[in-house]
Each structure stands twice: as structure tokens, then as C-alpha cells.
Amino acid sequence: CKTHAFTYLTLVGDGFHNFIDGMVIAASFVASFQLGLVTTLAIILHEIPQELSDFAILVYGGFTKKKALLFNFASALMAMIGALAGYFINDYIIGYI
């Protein structure tokens, strides 16, 4: 096959992982600005090697380098969606407490 199935599983898993990272970042900023900064820095530092390895998996699985970079970036954007979801969920829950 041209593209192996594990590449798509990697993208789905990475997207979910990044979504949760975004929610954690939003929740930490809701708690305090300093905690939000520390959490964001920690997540950035753990994302660098993880995204590099995902890129390598995608290329090994049959993606071109350009396509792997594009899909990996799209997966990373799930963190933004997770951050928005986390912020609004926290805002909604806190408003009723």
C-alpha cells in the first residue's frame, strides 16, 4: 500500500492528545496566569520531540514530507480547539458554582 494505516492512527491519537493539551492549558490559565505560563512552557517542551517523532512516523508510513508537515500541523491545531473548549467549559461550570 502507498500509505500505511498506522499513519492515520497516529494522526487521530496525536489530535486527541493535542486537544487534551489545549484543555489543560486553558484550565491552568483560568486557575492563575502564572500557572498557565508554566503549564504552557511544559507542554511546549514535551511537544517538540513528540511532533518530530510524529513527523518521522508519517514520512516512514508513506506520506511525502510536505504532506506529513501539513497533516502534523493540522493535528497540532487541535490544541487551539481544545483550549477554546476548555475555556468555555470552565467558564460555564464556574458560572454555576
PDB file of N, CA and C in Angstrom:
ATOM      1  N   CYS A   1       0.851  -1.185   0.000  1.00  0.00           N
ATOM      2  CA  CYS A   1       0.000   0.000   0.000  1.00  0.00           C
ATOM      3  C   CYS A   1       0.892   1.241   0.000  1.00  0.00           C
ATOM      4  N   LYS A   2       0.341   2.313  -0.536  1.00  0.00           N
ATOM      5  CA  LYS A   2       1.110   3.561  -0.603  1.00  0.00           C
ATOM      6  C   LYS A   2       1.281   4.204   0.769  1.00  0.00           C
ATOM      7  N   THR A   3       0.185   4.281   1.519  1.00  0.00           N
ATOM      8  CA  THR A   3       0.229   4.878   2.850  1.00  0.00           C
ATOM      9  C   THR A   3      -0.287   3.850   3.849  1.00  0.00           C
ATOM     10  N   HIS A   4       0.495   3.582   4.865  1.00  0.00           N
ATOM     11  CA  HIS A   4       0.129   2.580   5.860  1.00  0.00           C
ATOM     12  C   HIS A   4      -0.947   3.113   6.805  1.00  0.00           C
ATOM     13  N   ALA A   5      -1.762   2.207   7.313  1.00  0.00           N
ATOM     14  CA  ALA A   5      -2.887   2.586   8.179  1.00  0.00           C
ATOM     15  C   ALA A   5      -2.428   3.209   9.493  1.00  0.00           C
ATOM     16  N   PHE A   6      -1.244   2.837   9.968  1.00  0.00           N
ATOM     17  CA  PHE A   6      -0.794   3.372  11.251  1.00  0.00           C
ATOM     18  C   PHE A   6      -0.558   4.875  11.206  1.00  0.00           C
ATOM     19  N   THR A   7      -0.366   5.432  10.008  1.00  0.00           N
ATOM     20  CA  THR A   7      -0.177   6.885   9.928  1.00  0.00           C
ATOM     21  C   THR A   7      -1.451   7.618  10.321  1.00  0.00           C
ATOM     22  N   TYR A   8      -2.596   7.097   9.907  1.00  0.00           N
ATOM     23  CA  TYR A   8      -3.861   7.741  10.255  1.00  0.00           C
ATOM     24  C   TYR A   8      -4.177   7.562  11.732  1.00  0.00           C
ATOM     25  N   LEU A   9      -3.821   6.409  12.281  1.00  0.00           N
ATOM     26  CA  LEU A   9      -3.996   6.197  13.707  1.00  0.00           C
ATOM     27  C   LEU A   9      -3.118   7.162  14.500  1.00  0.00           C
ATOM     28  N   THR A  10      -1.921   7.402  14.010  1.00  0.00           N
ATOM     29  CA  THR A  10      -1.027   8.365  14.648  1.00  0.00           C
ATOM     30  C   THR A  10      -1.637   9.759  14.640  1.00  0.00           C
ATOM     31  N   LEU A  11      -2.219  10.154  13.519  1.00  0.00           N
ATOM     32  CA  LEU A  11      -2.833  11.481  13.427  1.00  0.00           C
ATOM     33  C   LEU A  11      -4.032  11.623  14.355  1.00  0.00           C
ATOM     34  N   VAL A  12      -4.857  10.606  14.441  1.00  0.00           N
ATOM     35  CA  VAL A  12      -6.023  10.665  15.329  1.00  0.00           C
ATOM     36  C   VAL A  12      -5.578  10.728  16.786  1.00  0.00           C
ATOM     37  N   GLY A  13      -4.630   9.876  17.149  1.00  0.00           N
ATOM     38  CA  GLY A  13      -4.123   9.882  18.523  1.00  0.00           C
ATOM     39  C   GLY A  13      -3.447  11.185  18.878  1.00  0.00           C
ATOM     40  N   ASP A  14      -2.677  11.728  17.966  1.00  0.00           N
ATOM     41  CA  ASP A  14      -1.997  12.998  18.209  1.00  0.00           C
ATOM     42  C   ASP A  14      -2.993  14.147  18.296  1.00  0.00           C
ATOM     43  N   GLY A  15      -4.016  14.113  17.468  1.00  0.00           N
ATOM     44  CA  GLY A  15      -5.041  15.152  17.531  1.00  0.00           C
ATOM     45  C   GLY A  15      -5.759  15.143  18.867  1.00  0.00           C
ATOM     46  N   PHE A  16      -6.113  13.948  19.348  1.00  0.00           N
ATOM     47  CA  PHE A  16      -6.764  13.846  20.659  1.00  0.00           C
ATOM     48  C   PHE A  16      -5.825  14.314  21.766  1.00  0.00           C
ATOM     49  N   HIS A  17      -4.559  13.908  21.671  1.00  0.00           N
ATOM     50  CA  HIS A  17      -3.548  14.328  22.647  1.00  0.00           C
ATOM     51  C   HIS A  17      -3.429  15.852  22.679  1.00  0.00           C
ATOM     52  N   ASN A  18      -3.370  16.472  21.522  1.00  0.00           N
ATOM     53  CA  ASN A  18      -3.245  17.928  21.450  1.00  0.00           C
ATOM     54  C   ASN A  18      -4.511  18.620  21.948  1.00  0.00           C
ATOM     55  N   PHE A  19      -5.677  18.046  21.695  1.00  0.00           N
ATOM     56  CA  PHE A  19      -6.932  18.594  22.208  1.00  0.00           C
ATOM     57  C   PHE A  19      -6.906  18.636  23.737  1.00  0.00           C
ATOM     58  N   ILE A  20      -6.470  17.554  24.356  1.00  0.00           N
ATOM     59  CA  ILE A  20      -6.370  17.495  25.817  1.00  0.00           C
ATOM     60  C   ILE A  20      -5.332  18.500  26.319  1.00  0.00           C
ATOM     61  N   ASP A  21      -4.204  18.618  25.621  1.00  0.00           N
ATOM     62  CA  ASP A  21      -3.198  19.617  25.995  1.00  0.00           C
ATOM     63  C   ASP A  21      -3.793  21.015  25.999  1.00  0.00           C
ATOM     64  N   GLY A  22      -4.585  21.332  24.983  1.00  0.00           N
ATOM     65  CA  GLY A  22      -5.227  22.640  24.928  1.00  0.00           C
ATOM     66  C   GLY A  22      -6.179  22.864  26.083  1.00  0.00           C
ATOM     67  N   MET A  23      -6.929  21.826  26.453  1.00  0.00           N
ATOM     68  CA  MET A  23      -7.842  21.953  27.585  1.00  0.00           C
ATOM     69  C   MET A  23      -7.079  22.179  28.888  1.00  0.00           C
ATOM     70  N   VAL A  24      -5.951  21.490  29.040  1.00  0.00           N
ATOM     71  CA  VAL A  24      -5.128  21.655  30.240  1.00  0.00           C
ATOM     72  C   VAL A  24      -4.565  23.076  30.308  1.00  0.00           C
ATOM     73  N   ILE A  25      -4.117  23.598  29.182  1.00  0.00           N
ATOM     74  CA  ILE A  25      -3.594  24.963  29.152  1.00  0.00           C
ATOM     75  C   ILE A  25      -4.676  25.961  29.537  1.00  0.00           C
ATOM     76  N   ALA A  26      -5.864  25.815  28.975  1.00  0.00           N
ATOM     77  CA  ALA A  26      -6.962  26.736  29.292  1.00  0.00           C
ATOM     78  C   ALA A  26      -7.336  26.652  30.763  1.00  0.00           C
ATOM     79  N   ALA A  27      -7.431  25.452  31.296  1.00  0.00           N
ATOM     80  CA  ALA A  27      -7.795  25.289  32.708  1.00  0.00           C
ATOM     81  C   ALA A  27      -6.739  25.896  33.620  1.00  0.00           C
ATOM     82  N   SER A  28      -5.479  25.771  33.252  1.00  0.00           N
ATOM     83  CA  SER A  28      -4.423  26.332  34.096  1.00  0.00           C
ATOM     84  C   SER A  28      -4.428  27.860  34.047  1.00  0.00           C
ATOM     85  N   PHE A  29      -4.753  28.450  32.899  1.00  0.00           N
ATOM     86  CA  PHE A  29      -4.861  29.903  32.833  1.00  0.00           C
ATOM     87  C   PHE A  29      -6.071  30.409  33.600  1.00  0.00           C
ATOM     88  N   VAL A  30      -7.144  29.631  33.631  1.00  0.00           N
ATOM     89  CA  VAL A  30      -8.316  30.022  34.422  1.00  0.00           C
ATOM     90  C   VAL A  30      -7.952  30.027  35.898  1.00  0.00           C
ATOM     91  N   ALA A  31      -7.133  29.059  36.320  1.00  0.00           N
ATOM     92  CA  ALA A  31      -6.732  28.977  37.725  1.00  0.00           C
ATOM     93  C   ALA A  31      -5.836  30.152  38.105  1.00  0.00           C
ATOM     94  N   SER A  32      -4.793  30.408  37.323  1.00  0.00           N
ATOM     95  CA  SER A  32      -3.925  31.571  37.565  1.00  0.00           C
ATOM     96  C   SER A  32      -3.035  31.792  36.346  1.00  0.00           C
ATOM     97  N   PHE A  33      -2.647  33.037  36.146  1.00  0.00           N
ATOM     98  CA  PHE A  33      -1.825  33.380  34.987  1.00  0.00           C
ATOM     99  C   PHE A  33      -0.448  32.710  35.078  1.00  0.00           C
ATOM    100  N   GLN A  34       0.152  32.716  36.265  1.00  0.00           N
ATOM    101  CA  GLN A  34       1.475  32.113  36.431  1.00  0.00           C
ATOM    102  C   GLN A  34       1.428  30.612  36.163  1.00  0.00           C
ATOM    103  N   LEU A  35       0.397  29.946  36.677  1.00  0.00           N
ATOM    104  CA  LEU A  35       0.252  28.516  36.416  1.00  0.00           C
ATOM    105  C   LEU A  35       0.052  28.249  34.928  1.00  0.00           C
ATOM    106  N   GLY A  36      -0.689  29.118  34.259  1.00  0.00           N
ATOM    107  CA  GLY A  36      -0.893  28.983  32.828  1.00  0.00           C
ATOM    108  C   GLY A  36       0.406  29.082  32.048  1.00  0.00           C
ATOM    109  N   LEU A  37       1.261  30.023  32.437  1.00  0.00           N
ATOM    110  CA  LEU A  37       2.554  30.165  31.752  1.00  0.00           C
ATOM    111  C   LEU A  37       3.439  28.942  31.955  1.00  0.00           C
ATOM    112  N   VAL A  38       3.504  28.459  33.180  1.00  0.00           N
ATOM    113  CA  VAL A  38       4.336  27.291  33.477  1.00  0.00           C
ATOM    114  C   VAL A  38       3.805  26.063  32.737  1.00  0.00           C
ATOM    115  N   THR A  39       2.494  25.889  32.741  1.00  0.00           N
ATOM    116  CA  THR A  39       1.888  24.749  32.054  1.00  0.00           C
ATOM    117  C   THR A  39       2.139  24.821  30.550  1.00  0.00           C
ATOM    118  N   THR A  40       1.980  26.004  29.982  1.00  0.00           N
ATOM    119  CA  THR A  40       2.216  26.177  28.546  1.00  0.00           C
ATOM    120  C   THR A  40       3.661  25.857  28.187  1.00  0.00           C
ATOM    121  N   LEU A  41       4.590  26.325  28.981  1.00  0.00           N
ATOM    122  CA  LEU A  41       6.005  26.037  28.732  1.00  0.00           C
ATOM    123  C   LEU A  41       6.281  24.538  28.817  1.00  0.00           C
ATOM    124  N   ALA A  42       5.726  23.886  29.826  1.00  0.00           N
ATOM    125  CA  ALA A  42       5.930  22.444  29.980  1.00  0.00           C
ATOM    126  C   ALA A  42       5.354  21.681  28.792  1.00  0.00           C
ATOM    127  N   ILE A  43       4.174  22.080  28.332  1.00  0.00           N
ATOM    128  CA  ILE A  43       3.554  21.382  27.205  1.00  0.00           C
ATOM    129  C   ILE A  43       4.335  21.631  25.917  1.00  0.00           C
ATOM    130  N   ILE A  44       4.821  22.845  25.722  1.00  0.00           N
ATOM    131  CA  ILE A  44       5.640  23.128  24.534  1.00  0.00           C
ATOM    132  C   ILE A  44       6.892  22.260  24.534  1.00  0.00           C
ATOM    133  N   LEU A  45       7.544  22.149  25.696  1.00  0.00           N
ATOM    134  CA  LEU A  45       8.775  21.366  25.770  1.00  0.00           C
ATOM    135  C   LEU A  45       8.523  19.882  25.537  1.00  0.00           C
ATOM    136  N   HIS A  46       7.370  19.375  25.936  1.00  0.00           N
ATOM    137  CA  HIS A  46       7.122  17.954  25.680  1.00  0.00           C
ATOM    138  C   HIS A  46       6.573  17.717  24.275  1.00  0.00           C
ATOM    139  N   GLU A  47       6.044  18.753  23.646  1.00  0.00           N
ATOM    140  CA  GLU A  47       5.515  18.610  22.287  1.00  0.00           C
ATOM    141  C   GLU A  47       6.610  18.574  21.223  1.00  0.00           C
ATOM    142  N   ILE A  48       7.719  19.237  21.455  1.00  0.00           N
ATOM    143  CA  ILE A  48       8.777  19.315  20.440  1.00  0.00           C
ATOM    144  C   ILE A  48       9.258  17.918  20.022  1.00  0.00           C
ATOM    145  N   PRO A  49       9.712  17.072  20.953  1.00  0.00           N
ATOM    146  CA  PRO A  49      10.155  15.739  20.498  1.00  0.00           C
ATOM    147  C   PRO A  49       8.997  14.875  20.005  1.00  0.00           C
ATOM    148  N   GLN A  50       7.810  15.072  20.564  1.00  0.00           N
ATOM    149  CA  GLN A  50       6.665  14.270  20.152  1.00  0.00           C
ATOM    150  C   GLN A  50       6.254  14.589  18.720  1.00  0.00           C
ATOM    151  N   GLU A  51       6.229  15.861  18.364  1.00  0.00           N
ATOM    152  CA  GLU A  51       5.858  16.255  16.998  1.00  0.00           C
ATOM    153  C   GLU A  51       6.934  15.839  15.990  1.00  0.00           C
ATOM    154  N   LEU A  52       8.194  15.897  16.387  1.00  0.00           N
ATOM    155  CA  LEU A  52       9.264  15.426  15.499  1.00  0.00           C
ATOM    156  C   LEU A  52       9.122  13.928  15.233  1.00  0.00           C
ATOM    157  N   SER A  53       8.816  13.164  16.268  1.00  0.00           N
ATOM    158  CA  SER A  53       8.646  11.723  16.074  1.00  0.00           C
ATOM    159  C   SER A  53       7.401  11.426  15.249  1.00  0.00           C
ATOM    160  N   ASP A  54       6.326  12.193  15.443  1.00  0.00           N
ATOM    161  CA  ASP A  54       5.131  12.009  14.606  1.00  0.00           C
ATOM    162  C   ASP A  54       5.437  12.287  13.141  1.00  0.00           C
ATOM    163  N   PHE A  55       6.213  13.319  12.881  1.00  0.00           N
ATOM    164  CA  PHE A  55       6.614  13.635  11.507  1.00  0.00           C
ATOM    165  C   PHE A  55       7.384  12.465  10.897  1.00  0.00           C
ATOM    166  N   ALA A  56       8.309  11.906  11.667  1.00  0.00           N
ATOM    167  CA  ALA A  56       9.098  10.775  11.177  1.00  0.00           C
ATOM    168  C   ALA A  56       8.204   9.562  10.916  1.00  0.00           C
ATOM    169  N   ILE A  57       7.226   9.324  11.784  1.00  0.00           N
ATOM    170  CA  ILE A  57       6.296   8.203  11.592  1.00  0.00           C
ATOM    171  C   ILE A  57       5.488   8.397  10.318  1.00  0.00           C
ATOM    172  N   LEU A  58       5.020   9.615  10.087  1.00  0.00           N
ATOM    173  CA  LEU A  58       4.218   9.886   8.897  1.00  0.00           C
ATOM    174  C   LEU A  58       5.037   9.705   7.614  1.00  0.00           C
ATOM    175  N   VAL A  59       6.267  10.171   7.619  1.00  0.00           N
ATOM    176  CA  VAL A  59       7.127  10.010   6.439  1.00  0.00           C
ATOM    177  C   VAL A  59       7.450   8.530   6.225  1.00  0.00           C
ATOM    178  N   TYR A  60       7.761   7.831   7.302  1.00  0.00           N
ATOM    179  CA  TYR A  60       8.047   6.394   7.199  1.00  0.00           C
ATOM    180  C   TYR A  60       6.818   5.628   6.709  1.00  0.00           C
ATOM    181  N   GLY A  61       5.631   6.089   7.095  1.00  0.00           N
ATOM    182  CA  GLY A  61       4.397   5.425   6.708  1.00  0.00           C
ATOM    183  C   GLY A  61       3.949   5.691   5.291  1.00  0.00           C
ATOM    184  N   GLY A  62       4.633   6.580   4.585  1.00  0.00           N
ATOM    185  CA  GLY A  62       4.319   6.780   3.174  1.00  0.00           C
ATOM    186  C   GLY A  62       3.913   8.190   2.783  1.00  0.00           C
ATOM    187  N   PHE A  63       3.804   9.098   3.732  1.00  0.00           N
ATOM    188  CA  PHE A  63       3.476  10.482   3.396  1.00  0.00           C
ATOM    189  C   PHE A  63       4.702  11.165   2.801  1.00  0.00           C
ATOM    190  N   THR A  64       4.463  12.109   1.908  1.00  0.00           N
ATOM    191  CA  THR A  64       5.566  12.967   1.473  1.00  0.00           C
ATOM    192  C   THR A  64       5.912  13.903   2.625  1.00  0.00           C
ATOM    193  N   LYS A  65       7.077  14.504   2.579  1.00  0.00           N
ATOM    194  CA  LYS A  65       7.468  15.409   3.660  1.00  0.00           C
ATOM    195  C   LYS A  65       6.508  16.589   3.770  1.00  0.00           C
ATOM    196  N   LYS A  66       6.081  17.112   2.626  1.00  0.00           N
ATOM    197  CA  LYS A  66       5.153  18.244   2.629  1.00  0.00           C
ATOM    198  C   LYS A  66       3.797  17.840   3.217  1.00  0.00           C
ATOM    199  N   LYS A  67       3.300  16.691   2.799  1.00  0.00           N
ATOM    200  CA  LYS A  67       2.007  16.216   3.302  1.00  0.00           C
ATOM    201  C   LYS A  67       2.103  15.884   4.794  1.00  0.00           C
ATOM    202  N   ALA A  68       3.203  15.297   5.222  1.00  0.00           N
ATOM    203  CA  ALA A  68       3.399  14.972   6.635  1.00  0.00           C
ATOM    204  C   ALA A  68       3.428  16.240   7.479  1.00  0.00           C
ATOM    205  N   LEU A  69       4.113  17.247   6.987  1.00  0.00           N
ATOM    206  CA  LEU A  69       4.178  18.516   7.713  1.00  0.00           C
ATOM    207  C   LEU A  69       2.808  19.168   7.805  1.00  0.00           C
ATOM    208  N   LEU A  70       2.054  19.149   6.724  1.00  0.00           N
ATOM    209  CA  LEU A  70       0.720  19.741   6.704  1.00  0.00           C
ATOM    210  C   LEU A  70      -0.236  19.012   7.649  1.00  0.00           C
ATOM    211  N   PHE A  71      -0.252  17.696   7.586  1.00  0.00           N
ATOM    212  CA  PHE A  71      -1.148  16.932   8.447  1.00  0.00           C
ATOM    213  C   PHE A  71      -0.726  17.023   9.909  1.00  0.00           C
ATOM    214  N   ASN A  72       0.572  17.070  10.162  1.00  0.00           N
ATOM    215  CA  ASN A  72       1.057  17.215  11.535  1.00  0.00           C
ATOM    216  C   ASN A  72       0.670  18.583  12.091  1.00  0.00           C
ATOM    217  N   PHE A  73       0.735  19.609  11.264  1.00  0.00           N
ATOM    218  CA  PHE A  73       0.322  20.942  11.692  1.00  0.00           C
ATOM    219  C   PHE A  73      -1.187  20.985  11.959  1.00  0.00           C
ATOM    220  N   ALA A  74      -1.956  20.341  11.100  1.00  0.00           N
ATOM    221  CA  ALA A  74      -3.409  20.287  11.310  1.00  0.00           C
ATOM    222  C   ALA A  74      -3.742  19.574  12.612  1.00  0.00           C
ATOM    223  N   SER A  75      -2.996  18.531  12.911  1.00  0.00           N
ATOM    224  CA  SER A  75      -3.193  17.822  14.171  1.00  0.00           C
ATOM    225  C   SER A  75      -2.828  18.716  15.357  1.00  0.00           C
ATOM    226  N   ALA A  76      -1.796  19.520  15.209  1.00  0.00           N
ATOM    227  CA  ALA A  76      -1.385  20.431  16.283  1.00  0.00           C
ATOM    228  C   ALA A  76      -2.423  21.526  16.525  1.00  0.00           C
ATOM    229  N   LEU A  77      -3.183  21.880  15.502  1.00  0.00           N
ATOM    230  CA  LEU A  77      -4.223  22.898  15.673  1.00  0.00           C
ATOM    231  C   LEU A  77      -5.349  22.439  16.595  1.00  0.00           C
ATOM    232  N   MET A  78      -5.425  21.146  16.832  1.00  0.00           N
ATOM    233  CA  MET A  78      -6.431  20.642  17.774  1.00  0.00           C
ATOM    234  C   MET A  78      -6.205  21.196  19.182  1.00  0.00           C
ATOM    235  N   ALA A  79      -4.981  21.608  19.485  1.00  0.00           N
ATOM    236  CA  ALA A  79      -4.703  22.225  20.784  1.00  0.00           C
ATOM    237  C   ALA A  79      -5.462  23.542  20.930  1.00  0.00           C
ATOM    238  N   MET A  80      -5.575  24.285  19.850  1.00  0.00           N
ATOM    239  CA  MET A  80      -6.323  25.545  19.892  1.00  0.00           C
ATOM    240  C   MET A  80      -7.811  25.281  20.129  1.00  0.00           C
ATOM    241  N   ILE A  81      -8.337  24.273  19.453  1.00  0.00           N
ATOM    242  CA  ILE A  81      -9.743  23.910  19.633  1.00  0.00           C
ATOM    243  C   ILE A  81      -9.968  23.424  21.067  1.00  0.00           C
ATOM    244  N   GLY A  82      -9.020  22.642  21.574  1.00  0.00           N
ATOM    245  CA  GLY A  82      -9.107  22.176  22.957  1.00  0.00           C
ATOM    246  C   GLY A  82      -9.028  23.314  23.955  1.00  0.00           C
ATOM    247  N   ALA A  83      -8.197  24.309  23.670  1.00  0.00           N
ATOM    248  CA  ALA A  83      -8.085  25.461  24.561  1.00  0.00           C
ATOM    249  C   ALA A  83      -9.398  26.241  24.599  1.00  0.00           C
ATOM    250  N   LEU A  84      -9.995  26.438  23.441  1.00  0.00           N
ATOM    251  CA  LEU A  84     -11.286  27.138  23.404  1.00  0.00           C
ATOM    252  C   LEU A  84     -12.363  26.347  24.133  1.00  0.00           C
ATOM    253  N   ALA A  85     -12.391  25.055  23.886  1.00  0.00           N
ATOM    254  CA  ALA A  85     -13.375  24.207  24.566  1.00  0.00           C
ATOM    255  C   ALA A  85     -13.140  24.222  26.073  1.00  0.00           C
ATOM    256  N   GLY A  86     -11.882  24.106  26.485  1.00  0.00           N
ATOM    257  CA  GLY A  86     -11.561  24.131  27.916  1.00  0.00           C
ATOM    258  C   GLY A  86     -11.931  25.435  28.570  1.00  0.00           C
ATOM    259  N   TYR A  87     -11.698  26.531  27.884  1.00  0.00           N
ATOM    260  CA  TYR A  87     -12.040  27.840  28.450  1.00  0.00           C
ATOM    261  C   TYR A  87     -13.544  27.978  28.640  1.00  0.00           C
ATOM    262  N   PHE A  88     -14.307  27.626  27.611  1.00  0.00           N
ATOM    263  CA  PHE A  88     -15.753  27.791  27.696  1.00  0.00           C
ATOM    264  C   PHE A  88     -16.386  26.786  28.658  1.00  0.00           C
ATOM    265  N   ILE A  89     -15.828  25.589  28.738  1.00  0.00           N
ATOM    266  CA  ILE A  89     -16.343  24.618  29.711  1.00  0.00           C
ATOM    267  C   ILE A  89     -16.079  25.119  31.118  1.00  0.00           C
ATOM    268  N   ASN A  90     -14.862  25.602  31.379  1.00  0.00           N
ATOM    269  CA  ASN A  90     -14.552  26.154  32.704  1.00  0.00           C
ATOM    270  C   ASN A  90     -15.421  27.346  33.019  1.00  0.00           C
ATOM    271  N   ASP A  91     -15.608  28.225  32.043  1.00  0.00           N
ATOM    272  CA  ASP A  91     -16.438  29.415  32.244  1.00  0.00           C
ATOM    273  C   ASP A  91     -17.874  29.010  32.544  1.00  0.00           C
ATOM    274  N   TYR A  92     -18.380  28.032  31.847  1.00  0.00           N
ATOM    275  CA  TYR A  92     -19.750  27.552  32.047  1.00  0.00           C
ATOM    276  C   TYR A  92     -19.917  26.917  33.415  1.00  0.00           C
ATOM    277  N   ILE A  93     -18.960  26.081  33.811  1.00  0.00           N
ATOM    278  CA  ILE A  93     -19.045  25.391  35.106  1.00  0.00           C
ATOM    279  C   ILE A  93     -18.893  26.383  36.250  1.00  0.00           C
ATOM    280  N   ILE A  94     -17.919  27.291  36.167  1.00  0.00           N
ATOM    281  CA  ILE A  94     -17.685  28.260  37.222  1.00  0.00           C
ATOM    282  C   ILE A  94     -18.874  29.202  37.379  1.00  0.00           C
ATOM    283  N   GLY A  95     -19.555  29.512  36.285  1.00  0.00           N
ATOM    284  CA  GLY A  95     -20.720  30.390  36.358  1.00  0.00           C
ATOM    285  C   GLY A  95     -21.862  29.808  37.158  1.00  0.00           C
ATOM    286  N   TYR A  96     -21.908  28.487  37.280  1.00  0.00           N
ATOM    287  CA  TYR A  96     -22.999  27.835  38.039  1.00  0.00           C
ATOM    288  C   TYR A  96     -22.588  27.371  39.418  1.00  0.00           C
ATOM    289  N   ILE A  97     -21.337  27.618  39.793  1.00  0.00           N
ATOM    290  CA  ILE A  97     -20.885  27.211  41.137  1.00  0.00           C
ATOM    291  C   ILE A  97     -21.070  28.345  42.109  1.00  0.00           C
TER     292      ILE A  97
END
